[in-house]
Amino acid sequence: MKAKFLVPLALFVVLVLFLAVGLRLDPREVPSPLVNKPAPAFKLAQLEQPELQFSPEDLKGKVWVFNVWASWCVACRQEHPVLMDFARAQIAPLIGLDYKDQRKDALGVLKRSGNPYDLTAFDADGRVGIDYGVYGVPESYVIDKAGVIRYKHIGPITSEALQKTIIPLINELKKS
């Protein structure tokens, strides 16, 4: 009779242990299978000039940052001043990917808050975001001169992440 209750109790304890371990993990530290692999190719219309297109091929030979954002994203607003500072420093090209958004809404945000991007590609249906493994916005990628993703930052970029991780990586990649 007691054994009948021990099996469910043991399964419950194991489940609680897995949950406890999972709750201690930082979702921003999810490893990306794309790091150290070529950035997925695409060609999209630009947000501000829809008659022009952008492709990662356009930046071959340069180290650049690819930032996925949207007008409806609250965390993107939190990240925006940091991106404005980064853009003013002119450390590397900053390319935006407006993800699953309305063109007029995105343009409105950039007009009100300032535009840190050298240009923004418009990914209305989110297909490019899917190719890049976007979990949610904002997400950012550092891409090297050969077009290889070297770093993925999940969530809003903070000044600390910029100074301690992203800028040193960009400077190192520029040397190679």
N, C-alpha and C. Protein backbone atom coordinates (compact mmCIF):
# COMPACT_ATOMS: atom_id res chain seq x y z
N MET A 1 0.81 -1.19 0.00
CA MET A 1 0.00 0.00 0.00
C MET A 1 0.87 1.26 0.00
N LYS A 2 1.94 1.26 0.82
CA LYS A 2 2.81 2.43 0.89
C LYS A 2 3.55 2.66 -0.41
N ALA A 3 3.93 1.58 -1.09
CA ALA A 3 4.66 1.70 -2.36
C ALA A 3 3.83 2.41 -3.41
N LYS A 4 2.54 2.25 -3.33
CA LYS A 4 1.61 2.88 -4.26
C LYS A 4 1.73 4.41 -4.20
N PHE A 5 1.99 4.96 -3.03
CA PHE A 5 2.10 6.40 -2.86
C PHE A 5 3.54 6.91 -3.03
N LEU A 6 4.52 6.03 -2.91
CA LEU A 6 5.90 6.44 -3.03
C LEU A 6 6.30 6.81 -4.46
N VAL A 7 5.78 6.10 -5.43
CA VAL A 7 6.13 6.38 -6.82
C VAL A 7 5.66 7.78 -7.23
N PRO A 8 4.39 8.13 -7.01
CA PRO A 8 3.99 9.50 -7.37
C PRO A 8 4.74 10.56 -6.56
N LEU A 9 5.02 10.26 -5.30
CA LEU A 9 5.76 11.21 -4.46
C LEU A 9 7.17 11.41 -5.00
N ALA A 10 7.83 10.34 -5.40
CA ALA A 10 9.18 10.42 -5.96
C ALA A 10 9.17 11.21 -7.27
N LEU A 11 8.19 10.96 -8.13
CA LEU A 11 8.08 11.71 -9.38
C LEU A 11 7.84 13.20 -9.12
N PHE A 12 7.02 13.49 -8.12
CA PHE A 12 6.76 14.89 -7.75
C PHE A 12 8.03 15.57 -7.28
N VAL A 13 8.82 14.89 -6.45
CA VAL A 13 10.07 15.46 -5.93
C VAL A 13 11.05 15.72 -7.08
N VAL A 14 11.16 14.80 -8.01
CA VAL A 14 12.05 14.98 -9.17
C VAL A 14 11.59 16.18 -10.00
N LEU A 15 10.29 16.30 -10.21
CA LEU A 15 9.74 17.41 -10.96
C LEU A 15 10.04 18.75 -10.27
N VAL A 16 9.90 18.80 -8.97
CA VAL A 16 10.19 20.01 -8.20
C VAL A 16 11.68 20.36 -8.32
N LEU A 17 12.55 19.37 -8.29
CA LEU A 17 13.99 19.63 -8.44
C LEU A 17 14.30 20.22 -9.82
N PHE A 18 13.71 19.67 -10.87
CA PHE A 18 13.92 20.21 -12.22
C PHE A 18 13.41 21.65 -12.30
N LEU A 19 12.27 21.91 -11.70
CA LEU A 19 11.72 23.26 -11.70
C LEU A 19 12.63 24.22 -10.95
N ALA A 20 13.15 23.79 -9.81
CA ALA A 20 14.05 24.65 -9.01
C ALA A 20 15.31 24.99 -9.79
N VAL A 21 15.87 24.02 -10.48
CA VAL A 21 17.07 24.27 -11.29
C VAL A 21 16.74 25.22 -12.44
N GLY A 22 15.62 24.99 -13.10
CA GLY A 22 15.22 25.83 -14.22
C GLY A 22 14.97 27.27 -13.84
N LEU A 23 14.42 27.49 -12.65
CA LEU A 23 14.14 28.85 -12.20
C LEU A 23 15.41 29.64 -11.90
N ARG A 24 16.50 28.96 -11.67
CA ARG A 24 17.78 29.63 -11.39
C ARG A 24 18.52 30.03 -12.66
N LEU A 25 18.10 29.54 -13.80
CA LEU A 25 18.77 29.85 -15.07
C LEU A 25 18.33 31.22 -15.57
N ASP A 26 19.25 31.91 -16.21
CA ASP A 26 18.97 33.22 -16.78
C ASP A 26 18.55 33.02 -18.23
N PRO A 27 17.32 33.43 -18.61
CA PRO A 27 16.88 33.22 -20.00
C PRO A 27 17.71 34.00 -21.01
N ARG A 28 18.45 35.00 -20.54
CA ARG A 28 19.30 35.77 -21.46
C ARG A 28 20.57 35.01 -21.81
N GLU A 29 20.81 33.91 -21.14
CA GLU A 29 22.02 33.14 -21.39
C GLU A 29 21.75 31.90 -22.24
N VAL A 30 20.64 31.92 -22.96
CA VAL A 30 20.32 30.81 -23.85
C VAL A 30 21.33 30.83 -24.99
N PRO A 31 22.11 29.76 -25.14
CA PRO A 31 23.12 29.77 -26.20
C PRO A 31 22.45 29.75 -27.58
N SER A 32 23.00 30.51 -28.49
CA SER A 32 22.45 30.54 -29.84
C SER A 32 23.23 29.58 -30.72
N PRO A 33 22.53 28.74 -31.47
CA PRO A 33 23.23 27.84 -32.40
C PRO A 33 23.86 28.60 -33.56
N LEU A 34 23.52 29.89 -33.71
CA LEU A 34 24.05 30.67 -34.83
C LEU A 34 25.41 31.32 -34.54
N VAL A 35 25.80 31.39 -33.26
CA VAL A 35 27.08 32.01 -32.93
C VAL A 35 28.20 31.18 -33.58
N ASN A 36 29.11 31.89 -34.23
CA ASN A 36 30.23 31.31 -34.98
C ASN A 36 29.80 30.64 -36.28
N LYS A 37 28.61 31.02 -36.76
CA LYS A 37 28.13 30.55 -38.06
C LYS A 37 27.80 31.77 -38.92
N PRO A 38 27.81 31.62 -40.23
CA PRO A 38 27.47 32.76 -41.09
C PRO A 38 26.08 33.31 -40.78
N ALA A 39 25.97 34.62 -40.78
CA ALA A 39 24.67 35.25 -40.58
C ALA A 39 23.74 34.86 -41.72
N PRO A 40 22.49 34.51 -41.40
CA PRO A 40 21.56 34.15 -42.48
C PRO A 40 21.41 35.28 -43.50
N ALA A 41 21.40 34.89 -44.74
CA ALA A 41 21.27 35.86 -45.84
C ALA A 41 19.82 36.29 -45.98
N PHE A 42 19.62 37.53 -46.37
CA PHE A 42 18.29 38.04 -46.67
C PHE A 42 18.44 39.31 -47.49
N LYS A 43 17.36 39.75 -48.04
CA LYS A 43 17.30 41.05 -48.72
C LYS A 43 15.92 41.61 -48.41
N LEU A 44 15.91 42.75 -47.69
CA LEU A 44 14.66 43.38 -47.29
C LEU A 44 14.66 44.86 -47.67
N ALA A 45 13.45 45.39 -47.83
CA ALA A 45 13.30 46.82 -48.05
C ALA A 45 13.70 47.56 -46.78
N GLN A 46 14.25 48.75 -46.95
CA GLN A 46 14.60 49.58 -45.80
C GLN A 46 13.34 50.25 -45.26
N LEU A 47 13.35 50.49 -43.97
CA LEU A 47 12.20 51.09 -43.31
C LEU A 47 11.93 52.50 -43.83
N GLU A 48 12.96 53.33 -43.83
CA GLU A 48 12.77 54.74 -44.18
C GLU A 48 12.75 54.99 -45.69
N GLN A 49 13.40 54.12 -46.43
CA GLN A 49 13.43 54.26 -47.89
C GLN A 49 13.05 52.90 -48.51
N PRO A 50 11.76 52.60 -48.56
CA PRO A 50 11.32 51.27 -49.02
C PRO A 50 11.77 50.90 -50.44
N GLU A 51 12.13 51.90 -51.22
CA GLU A 51 12.60 51.60 -52.57
C GLU A 51 14.03 51.04 -52.56
N LEU A 52 14.73 51.20 -51.44
CA LEU A 52 16.08 50.65 -51.29
C LEU A 52 16.03 49.37 -50.47
N GLN A 53 16.96 48.47 -50.76
CA GLN A 53 17.00 47.22 -50.03
C GLN A 53 18.31 47.11 -49.24
N PHE A 54 18.28 46.23 -48.24
CA PHE A 54 19.47 45.94 -47.45
C PHE A 54 19.67 44.44 -47.39
N SER A 55 20.94 44.05 -47.44
CA SER A 55 21.34 42.66 -47.28
C SER A 55 22.61 42.65 -46.42
N PRO A 56 22.80 41.64 -45.57
CA PRO A 56 24.05 41.55 -44.80
C PRO A 56 25.29 41.56 -45.69
N GLU A 57 25.13 41.13 -46.92
CA GLU A 57 26.24 41.14 -47.89
C GLU A 57 26.78 42.56 -48.07
N ASP A 58 25.91 43.56 -47.90
CA ASP A 58 26.31 44.96 -48.08
C ASP A 58 27.38 45.39 -47.08
N LEU A 59 27.51 44.68 -45.97
CA LEU A 59 28.47 45.06 -44.93
C LEU A 59 29.65 44.10 -44.81
N LYS A 60 29.83 43.22 -45.80
CA LYS A 60 31.00 42.34 -45.79
C LYS A 60 32.25 43.21 -45.70
N GLY A 61 33.19 42.81 -44.86
CA GLY A 61 34.41 43.58 -44.67
C GLY A 61 34.34 44.54 -43.50
N LYS A 62 33.16 44.63 -42.87
CA LYS A 62 32.98 45.50 -41.70
C LYS A 62 32.43 44.69 -40.53
N VAL A 63 32.81 45.10 -39.32
CA VAL A 63 32.21 44.56 -38.11
C VAL A 63 31.00 45.44 -37.83
N TRP A 64 29.85 44.83 -37.55
CA TRP A 64 28.63 45.60 -37.35
C TRP A 64 27.72 44.97 -36.31
N VAL A 65 26.77 45.75 -35.85
CA VAL A 65 25.80 45.29 -34.86
C VAL A 65 24.42 45.29 -35.51
N PHE A 66 23.72 44.18 -35.33
CA PHE A 66 22.37 43.98 -35.89
C PHE A 66 21.41 43.93 -34.72
N ASN A 67 20.53 44.92 -34.61
CA ASN A 67 19.62 45.04 -33.48
C ASN A 67 18.17 44.83 -33.94
N VAL A 68 17.52 43.81 -33.37
CA VAL A 68 16.14 43.50 -33.70
C VAL A 68 15.24 44.23 -32.70
N TRP A 69 14.30 45.02 -33.21
CA TRP A 69 13.46 45.85 -32.36
C TRP A 69 12.07 46.00 -32.99
N ALA A 70 11.16 46.63 -32.26
CA ALA A 70 9.83 46.92 -32.78
C ALA A 70 9.22 48.09 -32.01
N SER A 71 8.30 48.78 -32.65
CA SER A 71 7.66 49.93 -32.00
C SER A 71 6.81 49.50 -30.81
N TRP A 72 6.28 48.30 -30.84
CA TRP A 72 5.40 47.81 -29.78
C TRP A 72 6.18 47.21 -28.60
N CYS A 73 7.49 47.19 -28.68
CA CYS A 73 8.34 46.54 -27.68
C CYS A 73 8.72 47.51 -26.55
N VAL A 74 8.25 47.22 -25.35
CA VAL A 74 8.54 48.07 -24.19
C VAL A 74 10.03 48.03 -23.84
N ALA A 75 10.63 46.86 -23.87
CA ALA A 75 12.06 46.73 -23.54
C ALA A 75 12.94 47.46 -24.55
N CYS A 76 12.45 47.59 -25.78
CA CYS A 76 13.22 48.33 -26.81
C CYS A 76 13.32 49.81 -26.44
N ARG A 77 12.27 50.33 -25.82
CA ARG A 77 12.30 51.73 -25.38
C ARG A 77 13.34 51.92 -24.28
N GLN A 78 13.47 50.92 -23.43
CA GLN A 78 14.47 50.94 -22.35
C GLN A 78 15.88 50.93 -22.94
N GLU A 79 16.08 50.19 -24.00
CA GLU A 79 17.38 50.04 -24.64
C GLU A 79 17.76 51.24 -25.52
N HIS A 80 16.77 51.97 -25.98
CA HIS A 80 16.97 53.01 -26.99
C HIS A 80 18.04 54.05 -26.62
N PRO A 81 18.05 54.61 -25.41
CA PRO A 81 19.10 55.60 -25.09
C PRO A 81 20.51 55.02 -25.16
N VAL A 82 20.66 53.76 -24.83
CA VAL A 82 21.97 53.11 -24.91
C VAL A 82 22.39 53.00 -26.38
N LEU A 83 21.45 52.66 -27.24
CA LEU A 83 21.75 52.58 -28.67
C LEU A 83 22.08 53.95 -29.25
N MET A 84 21.40 54.98 -28.75
CA MET A 84 21.70 56.35 -29.21
C MET A 84 23.14 56.72 -28.84
N ASP A 85 23.57 56.38 -27.63
CA ASP A 85 24.95 56.64 -27.21
C ASP A 85 25.94 55.86 -28.07
N PHE A 86 25.63 54.60 -28.32
CA PHE A 86 26.48 53.75 -29.16
C PHE A 86 26.62 54.36 -30.56
N ALA A 87 25.51 54.81 -31.12
CA ALA A 87 25.53 55.39 -32.47
C ALA A 87 26.38 56.66 -32.50
N ARG A 88 26.27 57.50 -31.47
CA ARG A 88 27.05 58.74 -31.42
C ARG A 88 28.55 58.45 -31.37
N ALA A 89 28.93 57.34 -30.71
CA ALA A 89 30.34 56.98 -30.59
C ALA A 89 30.93 56.47 -31.91
N GLN A 90 30.09 56.08 -32.85
CA GLN A 90 30.51 55.60 -34.18
C GLN A 90 31.56 54.51 -34.10
N ILE A 91 31.32 53.54 -33.24
CA ILE A 91 32.25 52.42 -33.06
C ILE A 91 32.10 51.39 -34.19
N ALA A 92 30.87 51.16 -34.59
CA ALA A 92 30.58 50.21 -35.67
C ALA A 92 29.20 50.55 -36.23
N PRO A 93 28.95 50.17 -37.48
CA PRO A 93 27.61 50.39 -38.02
C PRO A 93 26.56 49.67 -37.16
N LEU A 94 25.45 50.35 -36.95
CA LEU A 94 24.32 49.79 -36.20
C LEU A 94 23.15 49.68 -37.18
N ILE A 95 22.78 48.44 -37.46
CA ILE A 95 21.69 48.17 -38.40
C ILE A 95 20.51 47.64 -37.60
N GLY A 96 19.35 48.21 -37.85
CA GLY A 96 18.14 47.76 -37.17
C GLY A 96 17.36 46.78 -38.02
N LEU A 97 16.60 45.93 -37.35
CA LEU A 97 15.63 45.07 -38.02
C LEU A 97 14.30 45.31 -37.32
N ASP A 98 13.42 46.04 -37.99
CA ASP A 98 12.09 46.30 -37.44
C ASP A 98 11.26 45.04 -37.65
N TYR A 99 10.93 44.39 -36.54
CA TYR A 99 10.41 43.02 -36.52
C TYR A 99 8.90 42.99 -36.25
N LYS A 100 8.16 42.38 -37.18
CA LYS A 100 6.71 42.19 -37.02
C LYS A 100 6.02 43.48 -36.59
N ASP A 101 6.15 44.48 -37.40
CA ASP A 101 5.70 45.81 -37.02
C ASP A 101 4.95 46.47 -38.17
N GLN A 102 4.39 47.62 -37.91
CA GLN A 102 3.77 48.46 -38.93
C GLN A 102 4.77 49.56 -39.26
N ARG A 103 4.99 49.80 -40.53
CA ARG A 103 5.98 50.79 -40.96
C ARG A 103 5.72 52.16 -40.32
N LYS A 104 4.48 52.62 -40.34
CA LYS A 104 4.18 53.96 -39.80
C LYS A 104 4.45 54.03 -38.30
N ASP A 105 4.19 52.96 -37.57
CA ASP A 105 4.45 52.95 -36.12
C ASP A 105 5.95 53.02 -35.84
N ALA A 106 6.72 52.25 -36.58
CA ALA A 106 8.18 52.25 -36.40
C ALA A 106 8.77 53.61 -36.75
N LEU A 107 8.32 54.18 -37.84
CA LEU A 107 8.82 55.50 -38.24
C LEU A 107 8.47 56.55 -37.18
N GLY A 108 7.29 56.43 -36.59
CA GLY A 108 6.88 57.35 -35.54
C GLY A 108 7.78 57.27 -34.32
N VAL A 109 8.14 56.06 -33.91
CA VAL A 109 9.04 55.88 -32.76
C VAL A 109 10.39 56.52 -33.04
N LEU A 110 10.94 56.28 -34.22
CA LEU A 110 12.25 56.84 -34.55
C LEU A 110 12.21 58.37 -34.66
N LYS A 111 11.08 58.89 -35.12
CA LYS A 111 10.95 60.35 -35.22
C LYS A 111 10.88 60.97 -33.82
N ARG A 112 10.13 60.35 -32.92
CA ARG A 112 9.98 60.88 -31.56
C ARG A 112 11.22 60.69 -30.70
N SER A 113 11.85 59.53 -30.80
CA SER A 113 12.93 59.16 -29.87
C SER A 113 14.33 59.35 -30.44
N GLY A 114 14.43 59.59 -31.73
CA GLY A 114 15.74 59.67 -32.37
C GLY A 114 16.04 58.34 -33.05
N ASN A 115 16.87 58.40 -34.07
CA ASN A 115 17.18 57.20 -34.84
C ASN A 115 18.66 56.85 -34.69
N PRO A 116 18.96 55.79 -33.92
CA PRO A 116 20.36 55.41 -33.74
C PRO A 116 20.92 54.60 -34.91
N TYR A 117 20.05 54.15 -35.81
CA TYR A 117 20.46 53.19 -36.83
C TYR A 117 21.04 53.86 -38.07
N ASP A 118 22.07 53.22 -38.62
CA ASP A 118 22.59 53.63 -39.92
C ASP A 118 21.51 53.37 -40.98
N LEU A 119 20.79 52.29 -40.81
CA LEU A 119 19.59 51.99 -41.58
C LEU A 119 18.84 50.89 -40.86
N THR A 120 17.57 50.76 -41.21
CA THR A 120 16.73 49.72 -40.62
C THR A 120 16.07 48.93 -41.73
N ALA A 121 16.21 47.62 -41.67
CA ALA A 121 15.50 46.73 -42.60
C ALA A 121 14.11 46.47 -42.01
N PHE A 122 13.12 46.34 -42.88
CA PHE A 122 11.73 46.19 -42.45
C PHE A 122 11.28 44.75 -42.64
N ASP A 123 11.10 44.03 -41.52
CA ASP A 123 10.72 42.61 -41.51
C ASP A 123 9.28 42.46 -41.03
N ALA A 124 8.33 42.88 -41.85
CA ALA A 124 6.93 42.93 -41.45
C ALA A 124 6.38 41.57 -41.03
N ASP A 125 6.74 40.52 -41.75
CA ASP A 125 6.19 39.20 -41.44
C ASP A 125 7.05 38.39 -40.47
N GLY A 126 8.22 38.88 -40.12
CA GLY A 126 9.06 38.22 -39.12
C GLY A 126 9.89 37.06 -39.63
N ARG A 127 9.92 36.84 -40.91
CA ARG A 127 10.66 35.68 -41.45
C ARG A 127 12.17 35.78 -41.22
N VAL A 128 12.73 36.97 -41.37
CA VAL A 128 14.16 37.13 -41.15
C VAL A 128 14.47 36.93 -39.66
N GLY A 129 13.62 37.47 -38.80
CA GLY A 129 13.78 37.25 -37.36
C GLY A 129 13.79 35.77 -37.02
N ILE A 130 12.93 35.02 -37.65
CA ILE A 130 12.89 33.57 -37.42
C ILE A 130 14.21 32.93 -37.86
N ASP A 131 14.72 33.35 -39.01
CA ASP A 131 15.99 32.81 -39.50
C ASP A 131 17.14 33.09 -38.53
N TYR A 132 17.05 34.21 -37.83
CA TYR A 132 18.09 34.59 -36.86
C TYR A 132 17.83 33.99 -35.48
N GLY A 133 16.76 33.25 -35.33
CA GLY A 133 16.47 32.60 -34.05
C GLY A 133 15.99 33.57 -32.98
N VAL A 134 15.28 34.62 -33.40
CA VAL A 134 14.80 35.61 -32.45
C VAL A 134 13.76 34.98 -31.53
N TYR A 135 14.01 35.07 -30.21
CA TYR A 135 13.08 34.59 -29.20
C TYR A 135 12.07 35.67 -28.87
N GLY A 136 12.51 36.89 -28.88
CA GLY A 136 11.69 38.05 -28.56
C GLY A 136 12.55 39.28 -28.71
N VAL A 137 11.94 40.43 -28.83
CA VAL A 137 12.71 41.65 -29.03
C VAL A 137 12.89 42.37 -27.71
N PRO A 138 13.97 43.08 -27.55
CA PRO A 138 15.09 43.25 -28.47
C PRO A 138 16.10 42.11 -28.36
N GLU A 139 16.77 41.89 -29.44
CA GLU A 139 17.92 41.00 -29.50
C GLU A 139 18.95 41.65 -30.42
N SER A 140 20.21 41.42 -30.13
CA SER A 140 21.28 42.04 -30.91
C SER A 140 22.37 41.03 -31.22
N TYR A 141 23.01 41.23 -32.36
CA TYR A 141 24.07 40.35 -32.84
C TYR A 141 25.27 41.19 -33.23
N VAL A 142 26.45 40.70 -32.90
CA VAL A 142 27.68 41.30 -33.41
C VAL A 142 28.14 40.39 -34.54
N ILE A 143 28.34 40.99 -35.71
CA ILE A 143 28.70 40.23 -36.91
C ILE A 143 30.06 40.72 -37.40
N ASP A 144 30.94 39.75 -37.68
CA ASP A 144 32.31 40.11 -38.05
C ASP A 144 32.46 40.46 -39.53
N LYS A 145 33.69 40.75 -39.93
CA LYS A 145 33.99 41.19 -41.30
C LYS A 145 33.62 40.15 -42.35
N ALA A 146 33.66 38.87 -41.96
CA ALA A 146 33.35 37.79 -42.89
C ALA A 146 31.86 37.47 -42.92
N GLY A 147 31.06 38.18 -42.11
CA GLY A 147 29.63 37.91 -42.08
C GLY A 147 29.24 36.80 -41.13
N VAL A 148 30.09 36.53 -40.14
CA VAL A 148 29.84 35.47 -39.16
C VAL A 148 29.34 36.09 -37.85
N ILE A 149 28.29 35.51 -37.30
CA ILE A 149 27.76 35.99 -36.02
C ILE A 149 28.74 35.58 -34.93
N ARG A 150 29.22 36.54 -34.17
CA ARG A 150 30.19 36.27 -33.10
C ARG A 150 29.60 36.40 -31.70
N TYR A 151 28.43 37.04 -31.60
CA TYR A 151 27.83 37.24 -30.28
C TYR A 151 26.35 37.53 -30.45
N LYS A 152 25.55 37.01 -29.53
CA LYS A 152 24.12 37.30 -29.50
C LYS A 152 23.77 37.79 -28.11
N HIS A 153 23.11 38.94 -28.05
CA HIS A 153 22.65 39.50 -26.78
C HIS A 153 21.13 39.44 -26.77
N ILE A 154 20.57 38.74 -25.80
CA ILE A 154 19.13 38.63 -25.67
C ILE A 154 18.65 39.65 -24.65
N GLY A 155 17.63 40.41 -25.01
CA GLY A 155 17.08 41.43 -24.13
C GLY A 155 17.72 42.77 -24.42
N PRO A 156 17.30 43.79 -23.66
CA PRO A 156 17.83 45.13 -23.91
C PRO A 156 19.32 45.22 -23.58
N ILE A 157 20.05 45.88 -24.45
CA ILE A 157 21.47 46.13 -24.19
C ILE A 157 21.56 47.19 -23.11
N THR A 158 22.36 46.93 -22.11
CA THR A 158 22.60 47.91 -21.04
C THR A 158 23.94 48.58 -21.30
N SER A 159 24.15 49.71 -20.64
CA SER A 159 25.46 50.38 -20.75
C SER A 159 26.57 49.45 -20.31
N GLU A 160 26.31 48.68 -19.26
CA GLU A 160 27.31 47.74 -18.75
C GLU A 160 27.65 46.67 -19.79
N ALA A 161 26.63 46.09 -20.41
CA ALA A 161 26.87 45.06 -21.44
C ALA A 161 27.63 45.65 -22.62
N LEU A 162 27.29 46.87 -22.96
CA LEU A 162 27.96 47.54 -24.06
C LEU A 162 29.44 47.75 -23.75
N GLN A 163 29.74 48.27 -22.57
CA GLN A 163 31.13 48.59 -22.19
C GLN A 163 31.96 47.35 -21.89
N LYS A 164 31.36 46.35 -21.26
CA LYS A 164 32.14 45.19 -20.82
C LYS A 164 32.22 44.06 -21.84
N THR A 165 31.24 43.97 -22.72
CA THR A 165 31.20 42.83 -23.64
C THR A 165 31.21 43.25 -25.11
N ILE A 166 30.26 44.07 -25.50
CA ILE A 166 30.05 44.33 -26.92
C ILE A 166 31.16 45.18 -27.54
N ILE A 167 31.49 46.32 -26.94
CA ILE A 167 32.54 47.18 -27.52
C ILE A 167 33.90 46.49 -27.52
N PRO A 168 34.31 45.80 -26.43
CA PRO A 168 35.60 45.09 -26.51
C PRO A 168 35.62 44.02 -27.61
N LEU A 169 34.49 43.33 -27.79
CA LEU A 169 34.42 42.32 -28.85
C LEU A 169 34.55 42.99 -30.22
N ILE A 170 33.83 44.08 -30.43
CA ILE A 170 33.91 44.79 -31.72
C ILE A 170 35.35 45.23 -31.99
N ASN A 171 36.00 45.80 -30.98
CA ASN A 171 37.38 46.26 -31.16
C ASN A 171 38.31 45.10 -31.50
N GLU A 172 38.11 43.97 -30.86
CA GLU A 172 38.93 42.77 -31.13
C GLU A 172 38.69 42.27 -32.55
N LEU A 173 37.43 42.25 -32.95
CA LEU A 173 37.10 41.76 -34.29
C LEU A 173 37.61 42.70 -35.38
N LYS A 174 37.69 43.97 -35.10
CA LYS A 174 38.21 44.93 -36.09
C LYS A 174 39.70 44.68 -36.37
N LYS A 175 40.42 44.16 -35.38
CA LYS A 175 41.85 43.89 -35.55
C LYS A 175 42.11 42.71 -36.49
N SER A 176 41.20 41.76 -36.52
CA SER A 176 41.43 40.56 -37.34
C SER A 176 41.01 40.72 -38.77
